[in-house]
């Protein structure tokens, strides 16, 4: 269980850039067999959402936000031995950040959740042009496409990507996620057929079990 005390200690060390202590906290949790989705939702996701809010309210610098993101990305490596030991299904997903979206941590975490649930997840990273995304879809023939958007300033690129994909592969389901969808997630799924928006890893994982 990730207690409030553990979370607050982790957040404080993340904000101060103490990689060693953050790593120790995560390692201790893994040794105690904490569920991976709890680690992702109640430590990694929760802390990065808090850091995003602090940055938006000018309470921390962009340098501190980037430092915390970099530390968190490094900590994901500690979890990979558990994630990639999961029995795999014959299902594939491509997950990508749209063009002009440079925050890739959320998409990376979603890819890990799919791997943990037995999928082959192909994460394309930040700022992926629609043309290159289509090439990868043609190559991998995924069952799902995931698009990540952390800032609403990338909304135009997101909609262009959805239109481009759906004009070529209309039946491919698209899942949407990220802080940039706050308040507009339902509006977008109403606007574009065959799209699903998830506002948390918890809801995504529950849906995934029945897919």
N, C-alpha and C. Protein backbone atom coordinates (compact mmCIF):
# COMPACT_ATOMS: atom_id res chain seq x y z
N UNK A 1 0.84 -1.21 0.00
CA UNK A 1 0.00 0.00 0.00
C UNK A 1 0.87 1.25 0.00
N UNK A 2 0.49 2.23 -0.79
CA UNK A 2 1.23 3.48 -0.85
C UNK A 2 0.51 4.49 0.05
N UNK A 3 1.06 4.71 1.21
CA UNK A 3 0.44 5.59 2.19
C UNK A 3 0.69 7.06 1.82
N UNK A 4 -0.05 7.93 2.47
CA UNK A 4 0.14 9.37 2.24
C UNK A 4 1.54 9.80 2.64
N UNK A 5 2.07 9.16 3.70
CA UNK A 5 3.43 9.50 4.16
C UNK A 5 4.46 9.14 3.11
N UNK A 6 4.31 7.96 2.50
CA UNK A 6 5.24 7.52 1.45
C UNK A 6 5.14 8.45 0.25
N UNK A 7 3.90 8.77 -0.14
CA UNK A 7 3.70 9.65 -1.28
C UNK A 7 4.33 11.03 -1.04
N UNK A 8 4.08 11.61 0.11
CA UNK A 8 4.60 12.95 0.41
C UNK A 8 6.13 12.95 0.44
N UNK A 9 6.71 11.89 0.97
CA UNK A 9 8.18 11.78 1.01
C UNK A 9 8.74 11.66 -0.40
N UNK A 10 8.06 10.86 -1.21
CA UNK A 10 8.50 10.70 -2.60
C UNK A 10 8.39 12.03 -3.35
N UNK A 11 7.26 12.73 -3.21
CA UNK A 11 7.05 13.99 -3.91
C UNK A 11 8.10 15.02 -3.52
N UNK A 12 8.41 15.10 -2.23
CA UNK A 12 9.40 16.06 -1.75
C UNK A 12 10.77 15.78 -2.37
N UNK A 13 11.14 14.51 -2.43
CA UNK A 13 12.43 14.15 -3.02
C UNK A 13 12.44 14.34 -4.52
N UNK A 14 11.30 14.12 -5.16
CA UNK A 14 11.20 14.33 -6.60
C UNK A 14 11.39 15.81 -6.92
N UNK A 15 10.76 16.68 -6.16
CA UNK A 15 10.87 18.12 -6.38
C UNK A 15 12.28 18.64 -6.09
N UNK A 16 12.98 18.00 -5.17
CA UNK A 16 14.34 18.45 -4.84
C UNK A 16 15.39 17.80 -5.73
N UNK A 17 14.96 16.85 -6.57
CA UNK A 17 15.89 16.21 -7.48
C UNK A 17 16.71 15.10 -6.86
N UNK A 18 16.23 14.54 -5.75
CA UNK A 18 16.95 13.47 -5.05
C UNK A 18 16.63 12.13 -5.69
N UNK A 19 17.34 11.80 -6.77
CA UNK A 19 17.10 10.56 -7.50
C UNK A 19 17.34 9.33 -6.63
N UNK A 20 18.36 9.38 -5.83
CA UNK A 20 18.72 8.22 -5.00
C UNK A 20 17.60 7.86 -4.05
N UNK A 21 17.02 8.85 -3.37
CA UNK A 21 15.95 8.57 -2.42
C UNK A 21 14.67 8.13 -3.13
N UNK A 22 14.37 8.76 -4.27
CA UNK A 22 13.19 8.35 -5.05
C UNK A 22 13.33 6.89 -5.48
N UNK A 23 14.52 6.53 -5.94
CA UNK A 23 14.78 5.15 -6.36
C UNK A 23 14.63 4.19 -5.20
N UNK A 24 15.09 4.58 -4.03
CA UNK A 24 14.97 3.73 -2.84
C UNK A 24 13.51 3.49 -2.48
N UNK A 25 12.71 4.54 -2.56
CA UNK A 25 11.28 4.41 -2.24
C UNK A 25 10.61 3.44 -3.20
N UNK A 26 10.89 3.58 -4.49
CA UNK A 26 10.28 2.70 -5.49
C UNK A 26 10.77 1.26 -5.31
N UNK A 27 12.06 1.09 -5.09
CA UNK A 27 12.61 -0.25 -4.88
C UNK A 27 11.99 -0.93 -3.67
N UNK A 28 11.83 -0.18 -2.59
CA UNK A 28 11.21 -0.73 -1.38
C UNK A 28 9.78 -1.18 -1.66
N UNK A 29 9.05 -0.40 -2.41
CA UNK A 29 7.67 -0.75 -2.76
C UNK A 29 7.62 -2.01 -3.62
N UNK A 30 8.55 -2.12 -4.57
CA UNK A 30 8.61 -3.32 -5.41
C UNK A 30 8.97 -4.55 -4.58
N UNK A 31 9.88 -4.38 -3.63
CA UNK A 31 10.25 -5.49 -2.75
C UNK A 31 9.08 -5.95 -1.90
N UNK A 32 8.19 -5.01 -1.60
CA UNK A 32 7.00 -5.34 -0.81
C UNK A 32 5.85 -5.83 -1.68
N UNK A 33 6.14 -6.03 -2.98
CA UNK A 33 5.17 -6.58 -3.93
C UNK A 33 3.94 -5.70 -4.11
N UNK A 34 4.15 -4.38 -4.07
CA UNK A 34 3.03 -3.48 -4.34
C UNK A 34 2.56 -3.72 -5.78
N UNK A 35 1.25 -3.65 -6.00
CA UNK A 35 0.72 -3.85 -7.34
C UNK A 35 1.25 -2.76 -8.27
N UNK A 36 1.67 -3.16 -9.46
CA UNK A 36 2.29 -2.21 -10.38
C UNK A 36 1.33 -1.08 -10.75
N UNK A 37 0.05 -1.42 -10.98
CA UNK A 37 -0.87 -0.34 -11.36
C UNK A 37 -1.06 0.65 -10.21
N UNK A 38 -0.93 0.18 -8.95
CA UNK A 38 -0.99 1.11 -7.81
C UNK A 38 0.23 2.02 -7.80
N UNK A 39 1.38 1.44 -8.11
CA UNK A 39 2.61 2.23 -8.17
C UNK A 39 2.50 3.32 -9.23
N UNK A 40 1.96 2.95 -10.39
CA UNK A 40 1.83 3.90 -11.48
C UNK A 40 0.78 4.98 -11.18
N UNK A 41 -0.36 4.56 -10.63
CA UNK A 41 -1.45 5.51 -10.41
C UNK A 41 -1.24 6.38 -9.17
N UNK A 42 -0.81 5.75 -8.08
CA UNK A 42 -0.79 6.45 -6.79
C UNK A 42 0.57 7.02 -6.40
N UNK A 43 1.57 6.79 -7.26
CA UNK A 43 2.87 7.41 -7.01
C UNK A 43 3.31 8.20 -8.24
N UNK A 44 3.51 7.53 -9.37
CA UNK A 44 4.01 8.20 -10.56
C UNK A 44 3.00 9.20 -11.13
N UNK A 45 1.79 8.71 -11.44
CA UNK A 45 0.80 9.60 -12.05
C UNK A 45 0.39 10.72 -11.09
N UNK A 46 0.11 10.36 -9.86
CA UNK A 46 -0.35 11.35 -8.87
C UNK A 46 0.69 12.45 -8.67
N UNK A 47 1.97 12.07 -8.55
CA UNK A 47 3.01 13.07 -8.32
C UNK A 47 3.23 13.95 -9.54
N UNK A 48 3.17 13.38 -10.74
CA UNK A 48 3.39 14.19 -11.94
C UNK A 48 2.20 15.12 -12.21
N UNK A 49 0.99 14.69 -11.87
CA UNK A 49 -0.15 15.60 -11.98
C UNK A 49 0.02 16.78 -11.02
N UNK A 50 0.49 16.49 -9.81
CA UNK A 50 0.71 17.55 -8.83
C UNK A 50 1.80 18.51 -9.30
N UNK A 51 2.86 17.96 -9.87
CA UNK A 51 3.94 18.79 -10.37
C UNK A 51 3.46 19.65 -11.54
N UNK A 52 2.61 19.08 -12.39
CA UNK A 52 2.03 19.85 -13.49
C UNK A 52 1.22 21.03 -12.99
N UNK A 53 0.45 20.81 -11.93
CA UNK A 53 -0.34 21.90 -11.35
C UNK A 53 0.56 22.97 -10.75
N UNK A 54 1.62 22.55 -10.07
CA UNK A 54 2.55 23.50 -9.47
C UNK A 54 3.20 24.37 -10.55
N UNK A 55 3.55 23.75 -11.67
CA UNK A 55 4.16 24.50 -12.77
C UNK A 55 3.15 25.47 -13.38
N UNK A 56 1.92 25.00 -13.62
CA UNK A 56 0.90 25.86 -14.21
C UNK A 56 0.61 27.07 -13.33
N UNK A 57 0.74 26.91 -12.01
CA UNK A 57 0.47 28.00 -11.07
C UNK A 57 1.74 28.79 -10.70
N UNK A 58 2.82 28.56 -11.49
CA UNK A 58 4.09 29.27 -11.29
C UNK A 58 4.69 29.08 -9.90
N UNK A 59 4.46 27.91 -9.32
CA UNK A 59 5.03 27.62 -8.00
C UNK A 59 6.34 26.86 -8.12
N UNK A 60 6.61 26.29 -9.28
CA UNK A 60 7.91 25.69 -9.58
C UNK A 60 8.30 26.12 -10.99
N UNK A 61 9.58 26.02 -11.29
CA UNK A 61 10.07 26.42 -12.61
C UNK A 61 9.90 25.29 -13.61
N UNK A 62 10.00 25.64 -14.89
CA UNK A 62 9.94 24.62 -15.93
C UNK A 62 11.13 23.67 -15.81
N UNK A 63 12.26 24.17 -15.31
CA UNK A 63 13.43 23.33 -15.11
C UNK A 63 13.15 22.25 -14.07
N UNK A 64 12.45 22.62 -13.00
CA UNK A 64 12.10 21.65 -11.97
C UNK A 64 11.12 20.62 -12.51
N UNK A 65 10.17 21.07 -13.33
CA UNK A 65 9.21 20.14 -13.94
C UNK A 65 9.91 19.16 -14.85
N UNK A 66 10.86 19.64 -15.64
CA UNK A 66 11.61 18.76 -16.53
C UNK A 66 12.47 17.78 -15.74
N UNK A 67 13.07 18.25 -14.66
CA UNK A 67 13.90 17.38 -13.82
C UNK A 67 13.06 16.25 -13.22
N UNK A 68 11.88 16.58 -12.71
CA UNK A 68 11.00 15.57 -12.11
C UNK A 68 10.55 14.56 -13.16
N UNK A 69 10.26 15.04 -14.36
CA UNK A 69 9.86 14.14 -15.45
C UNK A 69 10.99 13.18 -15.80
N UNK A 70 12.20 13.71 -15.90
CA UNK A 70 13.36 12.89 -16.24
C UNK A 70 13.61 11.82 -15.17
N UNK A 71 13.48 12.19 -13.90
CA UNK A 71 13.67 11.22 -12.83
C UNK A 71 12.62 10.12 -12.91
N UNK A 72 11.38 10.52 -13.13
CA UNK A 72 10.29 9.54 -13.20
C UNK A 72 10.49 8.58 -14.37
N UNK A 73 10.89 9.09 -15.52
CA UNK A 73 11.14 8.23 -16.67
C UNK A 73 12.23 7.21 -16.34
N UNK A 74 13.25 7.64 -15.62
CA UNK A 74 14.31 6.72 -15.22
C UNK A 74 13.82 5.65 -14.26
N UNK A 75 12.91 6.02 -13.37
CA UNK A 75 12.38 5.08 -12.38
C UNK A 75 11.52 3.99 -13.02
N UNK A 76 10.94 4.29 -14.18
CA UNK A 76 10.14 3.27 -14.87
C UNK A 76 10.99 2.05 -15.21
N UNK A 77 12.29 2.26 -15.41
CA UNK A 77 13.17 1.14 -15.73
C UNK A 77 13.22 0.11 -14.60
N UNK A 78 13.01 0.56 -13.36
CA UNK A 78 13.04 -0.37 -12.23
C UNK A 78 11.88 -1.35 -12.28
N UNK A 79 10.80 -0.93 -12.96
CA UNK A 79 9.58 -1.74 -12.99
C UNK A 79 9.55 -2.70 -14.17
N UNK A 80 10.36 -2.44 -15.19
CA UNK A 80 10.28 -3.22 -16.43
C UNK A 80 10.46 -4.72 -16.27
N UNK A 81 11.35 -5.20 -15.38
CA UNK A 81 11.46 -6.66 -15.23
C UNK A 81 10.13 -7.32 -14.85
N UNK A 82 9.32 -6.63 -14.07
CA UNK A 82 8.01 -7.17 -13.69
C UNK A 82 7.04 -7.06 -14.87
N UNK A 83 7.03 -5.92 -15.51
CA UNK A 83 6.10 -5.67 -16.61
C UNK A 83 6.30 -6.66 -17.76
N UNK A 84 7.55 -6.84 -18.15
CA UNK A 84 7.82 -7.66 -19.33
C UNK A 84 7.86 -9.16 -19.04
N UNK A 85 7.63 -9.52 -17.77
CA UNK A 85 7.52 -10.95 -17.44
C UNK A 85 6.08 -11.44 -17.57
N UNK A 86 5.15 -10.52 -17.85
CA UNK A 86 3.74 -10.89 -17.98
C UNK A 86 3.52 -11.77 -19.21
N UNK A 87 2.60 -12.73 -19.08
CA UNK A 87 2.26 -13.58 -20.21
C UNK A 87 1.57 -12.74 -21.27
N UNK A 88 2.02 -12.88 -22.53
CA UNK A 88 1.51 -12.00 -23.56
C UNK A 88 0.41 -12.63 -24.41
N UNK A 89 -0.51 -11.75 -24.79
CA UNK A 89 -1.63 -12.12 -25.66
C UNK A 89 -1.26 -11.75 -27.09
N UNK A 90 -2.07 -12.15 -28.00
CA UNK A 90 -1.82 -11.78 -29.40
C UNK A 90 -2.58 -10.49 -29.72
N UNK A 91 -2.21 -9.42 -28.99
CA UNK A 91 -2.84 -8.12 -29.18
C UNK A 91 -1.78 -7.04 -29.21
N UNK A 92 -2.00 -6.03 -30.03
CA UNK A 92 -1.00 -4.98 -30.22
C UNK A 92 -1.66 -3.59 -30.16
N UNK A 93 -0.90 -2.66 -29.60
CA UNK A 93 -1.34 -1.26 -29.59
C UNK A 93 -0.16 -0.38 -29.95
N UNK A 94 -0.43 0.67 -30.70
CA UNK A 94 0.54 1.73 -30.94
C UNK A 94 0.11 2.94 -30.13
N UNK A 95 1.04 3.49 -29.38
CA UNK A 95 0.76 4.67 -28.56
C UNK A 95 1.71 5.78 -28.97
N UNK A 96 1.16 6.96 -29.18
CA UNK A 96 1.98 8.05 -29.69
C UNK A 96 1.52 9.39 -29.14
N UNK A 97 2.47 10.30 -29.00
CA UNK A 97 2.14 11.70 -28.77
C UNK A 97 1.99 12.35 -30.15
N UNK A 98 1.00 13.21 -30.28
CA UNK A 98 0.76 13.83 -31.59
C UNK A 98 1.84 14.86 -31.90
N UNK A 99 1.89 15.29 -33.13
CA UNK A 99 2.83 16.33 -33.54
C UNK A 99 2.63 17.57 -32.67
N UNK A 100 3.74 18.17 -32.25
CA UNK A 100 3.79 19.36 -31.39
C UNK A 100 3.52 19.06 -29.92
N UNK A 101 3.38 17.78 -29.57
CA UNK A 101 3.24 17.38 -28.16
C UNK A 101 4.55 16.75 -27.72
N UNK A 102 5.22 17.39 -26.75
CA UNK A 102 6.55 16.96 -26.35
C UNK A 102 6.58 16.28 -24.97
N UNK A 103 5.45 16.19 -24.32
CA UNK A 103 5.40 15.52 -23.02
C UNK A 103 5.04 14.04 -23.25
N UNK A 104 5.99 13.17 -23.06
CA UNK A 104 5.79 11.77 -23.43
C UNK A 104 5.61 10.82 -22.26
N UNK A 105 5.79 11.30 -21.03
CA UNK A 105 5.76 10.39 -19.88
C UNK A 105 4.43 9.67 -19.75
N UNK A 106 3.32 10.40 -19.90
CA UNK A 106 2.00 9.79 -19.75
C UNK A 106 1.79 8.66 -20.74
N UNK A 107 2.15 8.90 -22.00
CA UNK A 107 2.01 7.87 -23.02
C UNK A 107 2.88 6.66 -22.74
N UNK A 108 4.06 6.92 -22.21
CA UNK A 108 4.99 5.84 -21.87
C UNK A 108 4.40 4.96 -20.77
N UNK A 109 3.77 5.59 -19.78
CA UNK A 109 3.16 4.83 -18.69
C UNK A 109 1.98 4.00 -19.18
N UNK A 110 1.19 4.56 -20.09
CA UNK A 110 0.07 3.81 -20.65
C UNK A 110 0.58 2.60 -21.42
N UNK A 111 1.66 2.76 -22.18
CA UNK A 111 2.25 1.63 -22.90
C UNK A 111 2.65 0.53 -21.92
N UNK A 112 3.20 0.92 -20.78
CA UNK A 112 3.60 -0.06 -19.76
C UNK A 112 2.40 -0.80 -19.20
N UNK A 113 1.29 -0.09 -19.00
CA UNK A 113 0.08 -0.73 -18.48
C UNK A 113 -0.43 -1.77 -19.46
N UNK A 114 -0.36 -1.47 -20.75
CA UNK A 114 -0.77 -2.46 -21.75
C UNK A 114 0.16 -3.67 -21.74
N UNK A 115 1.46 -3.44 -21.62
CA UNK A 115 2.42 -4.55 -21.55
C UNK A 115 2.14 -5.41 -20.33
N UNK A 116 1.84 -4.77 -19.22
CA UNK A 116 1.53 -5.49 -17.98
C UNK A 116 0.31 -6.38 -18.15
N UNK A 117 -0.60 -5.97 -19.02
CA UNK A 117 -1.82 -6.73 -19.27
C UNK A 117 -1.69 -7.66 -20.49
N UNK A 118 -0.46 -7.90 -20.92
CA UNK A 118 -0.22 -8.92 -21.92
C UNK A 118 -0.19 -8.45 -23.37
N UNK A 119 -0.27 -7.15 -23.60
CA UNK A 119 -0.25 -6.62 -24.96
C UNK A 119 1.19 -6.34 -25.40
N UNK A 120 1.40 -6.30 -26.71
CA UNK A 120 2.62 -5.75 -27.28
C UNK A 120 2.35 -4.28 -27.55
N UNK A 121 3.04 -3.41 -26.82
CA UNK A 121 2.81 -1.97 -26.94
C UNK A 121 3.99 -1.31 -27.63
N UNK A 122 3.71 -0.60 -28.70
CA UNK A 122 4.74 0.11 -29.45
C UNK A 122 4.58 1.61 -29.17
N UNK A 123 5.50 2.14 -28.37
CA UNK A 123 5.42 3.55 -27.99
C UNK A 123 6.32 4.37 -28.90
N UNK A 124 5.74 5.35 -29.60
CA UNK A 124 6.47 6.12 -30.60
C UNK A 124 7.07 7.41 -30.05
N UNK A 125 6.72 7.78 -28.82
CA UNK A 125 7.33 8.95 -28.21
C UNK A 125 6.68 10.26 -28.59
N UNK A 126 7.41 11.35 -28.34
CA UNK A 126 6.88 12.70 -28.51
C UNK A 126 6.91 13.16 -29.96
N UNK A 127 6.00 14.09 -30.27
CA UNK A 127 6.02 14.84 -31.53
C UNK A 127 6.11 13.93 -32.75
N UNK A 128 5.19 12.99 -32.86
CA UNK A 128 5.21 12.06 -33.98
C UNK A 128 4.32 12.57 -35.12
N UNK A 129 4.88 12.81 -36.29
CA UNK A 129 4.07 13.27 -37.43
C UNK A 129 3.06 12.21 -37.86
N UNK A 130 1.91 12.66 -38.33
CA UNK A 130 0.85 11.73 -38.75
C UNK A 130 1.33 10.78 -39.84
N UNK A 131 2.15 11.27 -40.75
CA UNK A 131 2.65 10.44 -41.84
C UNK A 131 3.44 9.25 -41.31
N UNK A 132 4.29 9.50 -40.32
CA UNK A 132 5.10 8.42 -39.74
C UNK A 132 4.23 7.48 -38.91
N UNK A 133 3.23 8.03 -38.26
CA UNK A 133 2.31 7.21 -37.49
C UNK A 133 1.58 6.23 -38.40
N UNK A 134 1.12 6.71 -39.54
CA UNK A 134 0.42 5.84 -40.49
C UNK A 134 1.32 4.71 -40.99
N UNK A 135 2.59 5.02 -41.21
CA UNK A 135 3.53 3.98 -41.64
C UNK A 135 3.65 2.88 -40.60
N UNK A 136 3.72 3.28 -39.34
CA UNK A 136 3.85 2.30 -38.26
C UNK A 136 2.56 1.48 -38.12
N UNK A 137 1.42 2.12 -38.28
CA UNK A 137 0.15 1.40 -38.22
C UNK A 137 0.09 0.35 -39.33
N UNK A 138 0.53 0.73 -40.51
CA UNK A 138 0.53 -0.20 -41.64
C UNK A 138 1.48 -1.37 -41.39
N UNK A 139 2.58 -1.09 -40.71
CA UNK A 139 3.58 -2.14 -40.44
C UNK A 139 3.14 -3.09 -39.33
N UNK A 140 2.62 -2.55 -38.23
CA UNK A 140 2.33 -3.36 -37.05
C UNK A 140 0.91 -3.91 -37.01
N UNK A 141 0.00 -3.34 -37.77
CA UNK A 141 -1.40 -3.79 -37.79
C UNK A 141 -1.97 -3.89 -36.36
N UNK A 142 -2.02 -2.78 -35.64
CA UNK A 142 -2.45 -2.83 -34.24
C UNK A 142 -3.96 -3.04 -34.08
N UNK A 143 -4.35 -3.53 -32.90
CA UNK A 143 -5.76 -3.67 -32.55
C UNK A 143 -6.32 -2.35 -32.01
N UNK A 144 -5.43 -1.51 -31.50
CA UNK A 144 -5.80 -0.22 -30.94
C UNK A 144 -4.73 0.82 -31.26
N UNK A 145 -5.16 2.08 -31.27
CA UNK A 145 -4.23 3.21 -31.35
C UNK A 145 -4.48 4.09 -30.14
N UNK A 146 -3.41 4.50 -29.47
CA UNK A 146 -3.54 5.41 -28.34
C UNK A 146 -2.86 6.74 -28.65
N UNK A 147 -3.56 7.84 -28.41
CA UNK A 147 -3.00 9.17 -28.64
C UNK A 147 -2.95 9.94 -27.32
N UNK A 148 -1.80 10.51 -27.03
CA UNK A 148 -1.58 11.22 -25.77
C UNK A 148 -1.44 12.71 -26.02
N UNK A 149 -2.09 13.51 -25.14
CA UNK A 149 -2.00 14.97 -25.23
C UNK A 149 -1.96 15.55 -23.83
N UNK A 150 -0.84 16.17 -23.48
CA UNK A 150 -0.68 16.73 -22.14
C UNK A 150 -1.07 18.20 -22.05
N UNK A 151 -0.98 18.90 -23.17
CA UNK A 151 -1.34 20.33 -23.20
C UNK A 151 -2.37 20.57 -24.29
N UNK A 152 -3.39 21.34 -23.98
CA UNK A 152 -4.46 21.59 -24.96
C UNK A 152 -3.98 22.39 -26.16
N UNK A 153 -2.77 22.96 -26.07
CA UNK A 153 -2.20 23.69 -27.21
C UNK A 153 -1.93 22.76 -28.39
N UNK A 154 -1.91 21.44 -28.12
CA UNK A 154 -1.69 20.46 -29.19
C UNK A 154 -3.01 19.93 -29.77
N UNK A 155 -4.13 20.57 -29.41
CA UNK A 155 -5.44 20.08 -29.83
C UNK A 155 -5.59 20.04 -31.35
N UNK A 156 -5.12 21.08 -32.03
CA UNK A 156 -5.24 21.11 -33.49
C UNK A 156 -4.51 19.92 -34.11
N UNK A 157 -3.31 19.64 -33.63
CA UNK A 157 -2.53 18.50 -34.14
C UNK A 157 -3.24 17.19 -33.84
N UNK A 158 -3.83 17.11 -32.66
CA UNK A 158 -4.56 15.89 -32.29
C UNK A 158 -5.71 15.63 -33.26
N UNK A 159 -6.51 16.66 -33.52
CA UNK A 159 -7.66 16.47 -34.40
C UNK A 159 -7.22 16.15 -35.82
N UNK A 160 -6.16 16.76 -36.27
CA UNK A 160 -5.64 16.45 -37.59
C UNK A 160 -5.17 15.00 -37.67
N UNK A 161 -4.56 14.51 -36.58
CA UNK A 161 -4.10 13.12 -36.54
C UNK A 161 -5.28 12.16 -36.58
N UNK A 162 -6.31 12.44 -35.79
CA UNK A 162 -7.50 11.58 -35.78
C UNK A 162 -8.11 11.52 -37.18
N UNK A 163 -8.26 12.68 -37.82
CA UNK A 163 -8.86 12.72 -39.16
C UNK A 163 -8.01 11.95 -40.17
N UNK A 164 -6.70 12.11 -40.07
CA UNK A 164 -5.80 11.43 -41.00
C UNK A 164 -5.88 9.91 -40.84
N UNK A 165 -5.87 9.47 -39.60
CA UNK A 165 -5.93 8.03 -39.33
C UNK A 165 -7.28 7.47 -39.77
N UNK A 166 -8.34 8.14 -39.40
CA UNK A 166 -9.67 7.62 -39.71
C UNK A 166 -10.00 7.65 -41.20
N UNK A 167 -9.37 8.55 -41.92
CA UNK A 167 -9.59 8.58 -43.37
C UNK A 167 -8.92 7.40 -44.06
N UNK A 168 -7.89 6.84 -43.40
CA UNK A 168 -7.18 5.70 -43.98
C UNK A 168 -7.62 4.38 -43.38
N UNK A 169 -7.87 4.38 -42.05
CA UNK A 169 -8.21 3.14 -41.34
C UNK A 169 -9.40 3.45 -40.44
N UNK A 170 -10.57 3.48 -40.98
CA UNK A 170 -11.75 3.96 -40.25
C UNK A 170 -12.15 3.06 -39.08
N UNK A 171 -11.83 1.78 -39.15
CA UNK A 171 -12.31 0.86 -38.13
C UNK A 171 -11.35 0.71 -36.94
N UNK A 172 -10.21 1.37 -36.98
CA UNK A 172 -9.24 1.24 -35.89
C UNK A 172 -9.70 2.05 -34.67
N UNK A 173 -9.99 1.40 -33.54
CA UNK A 173 -10.39 2.15 -32.34
C UNK A 173 -9.24 3.01 -31.84
N UNK A 174 -9.57 4.21 -31.37
CA UNK A 174 -8.56 5.14 -30.87
C UNK A 174 -8.88 5.51 -29.42
N UNK A 175 -7.91 5.30 -28.53
CA UNK A 175 -8.10 5.72 -27.15
C UNK A 175 -7.33 7.03 -26.94
N UNK A 176 -7.90 7.91 -26.15
CA UNK A 176 -7.34 9.23 -25.91
C UNK A 176 -7.08 9.40 -24.43
N UNK A 177 -5.96 10.07 -24.10
CA UNK A 177 -5.67 10.31 -22.69
C UNK A 177 -4.61 11.37 -22.49
N UNK A 178 -4.61 11.94 -21.29
CA UNK A 178 -3.63 12.97 -20.94
C UNK A 178 -4.33 14.18 -20.33
N UNK A 179 -3.56 14.99 -19.63
CA UNK A 179 -4.13 16.15 -18.95
C UNK A 179 -4.73 17.17 -19.91
N UNK A 180 -4.27 17.17 -21.15
CA UNK A 180 -4.78 18.13 -22.12
C UNK A 180 -6.23 17.91 -22.50
N UNK A 181 -6.79 16.73 -22.11
CA UNK A 181 -8.18 16.43 -22.45
C UNK A 181 -9.16 16.87 -21.36
N UNK A 182 -8.65 17.40 -20.27
CA UNK A 182 -9.52 17.80 -19.16
C UNK A 182 -10.59 18.77 -19.65
N UNK A 183 -11.84 18.40 -19.46
CA UNK A 183 -12.96 19.25 -19.84
C UNK A 183 -13.40 19.12 -21.29
N UNK A 184 -12.60 18.46 -22.13
CA UNK A 184 -12.97 18.34 -23.54
C UNK A 184 -12.98 16.89 -24.03
N UNK A 185 -12.69 15.96 -23.13
CA UNK A 185 -12.62 14.56 -23.53
C UNK A 185 -13.91 14.04 -24.12
N UNK A 186 -15.02 14.30 -23.44
CA UNK A 186 -16.32 13.83 -23.94
C UNK A 186 -16.70 14.53 -25.24
N UNK A 187 -16.38 15.80 -25.33
CA UNK A 187 -16.69 16.56 -26.53
C UNK A 187 -16.00 15.95 -27.76
N UNK A 188 -14.75 15.53 -27.57
CA UNK A 188 -14.00 14.94 -28.68
C UNK A 188 -14.53 13.57 -29.06
N UNK A 189 -14.88 12.75 -28.07
CA UNK A 189 -15.40 11.41 -28.38
C UNK A 189 -16.78 11.50 -29.03
N UNK A 190 -17.53 12.56 -28.71
CA UNK A 190 -18.81 12.78 -29.39
C UNK A 190 -18.58 13.23 -30.84
N UNK A 191 -17.51 13.95 -31.05
CA UNK A 191 -17.22 14.51 -32.37
C UNK A 191 -16.64 13.47 -33.32
N UNK A 192 -15.81 12.57 -32.76
CA UNK A 192 -15.14 11.57 -33.60
C UNK A 192 -15.58 10.17 -33.18
N UNK A 193 -16.16 9.44 -34.13
CA UNK A 193 -16.61 8.08 -33.84
C UNK A 193 -15.42 7.16 -33.58
N UNK A 194 -15.69 6.08 -32.88
CA UNK A 194 -14.68 5.05 -32.62
C UNK A 194 -13.50 5.57 -31.80
N UNK A 195 -13.77 6.59 -30.97
CA UNK A 195 -12.74 7.09 -30.04
C UNK A 195 -13.25 6.94 -28.61
N UNK A 196 -12.34 6.69 -27.70
CA UNK A 196 -12.68 6.51 -26.29
C UNK A 196 -11.70 7.32 -25.46
N UNK A 197 -12.22 8.08 -24.50
CA UNK A 197 -11.36 8.91 -23.63
C UNK A 197 -11.32 8.33 -22.23
N UNK A 198 -10.11 8.25 -21.67
CA UNK A 198 -9.93 7.80 -20.29
C UNK A 198 -9.22 8.89 -19.50
N UNK A 199 -9.78 9.24 -18.34
CA UNK A 199 -9.16 10.29 -17.54
C UNK A 199 -8.27 9.74 -16.42
N UNK A 200 -8.09 8.41 -16.38
CA UNK A 200 -7.20 7.82 -15.39
C UNK A 200 -6.73 6.46 -15.86
N UNK A 201 -5.57 6.05 -15.35
CA UNK A 201 -5.04 4.72 -15.65
C UNK A 201 -5.95 3.64 -15.09
N UNK A 202 -6.58 3.93 -13.97
CA UNK A 202 -7.47 2.96 -13.32
C UNK A 202 -8.64 2.61 -14.25
N UNK A 203 -9.28 3.62 -14.80
CA UNK A 203 -10.42 3.38 -15.69
C UNK A 203 -9.98 2.67 -16.97
N UNK A 204 -8.80 3.03 -17.46
CA UNK A 204 -8.28 2.39 -18.66
C UNK A 204 -8.06 0.89 -18.41
N UNK A 205 -7.45 0.57 -17.29
CA UNK A 205 -7.13 -0.83 -17.02
C UNK A 205 -8.39 -1.66 -16.81
N UNK A 206 -9.38 -1.09 -16.17
CA UNK A 206 -10.65 -1.81 -15.99
C UNK A 206 -11.31 -2.09 -17.34
N UNK A 207 -11.28 -1.12 -18.23
CA UNK A 207 -11.84 -1.31 -19.57
C UNK A 207 -11.05 -2.35 -20.35
N UNK A 208 -9.74 -2.30 -20.17
CA UNK A 208 -8.85 -3.16 -20.94
C UNK A 208 -9.09 -4.64 -20.65
N UNK A 209 -9.45 -4.95 -19.43
CA UNK A 209 -9.68 -6.35 -19.06
C UNK A 209 -10.82 -6.98 -19.85
N UNK A 210 -11.74 -6.17 -20.33
CA UNK A 210 -12.90 -6.69 -21.06
C UNK A 210 -12.78 -6.49 -22.57
N UNK A 211 -11.68 -5.93 -23.03
CA UNK A 211 -11.54 -5.63 -24.45
C UNK A 211 -11.39 -6.93 -25.26
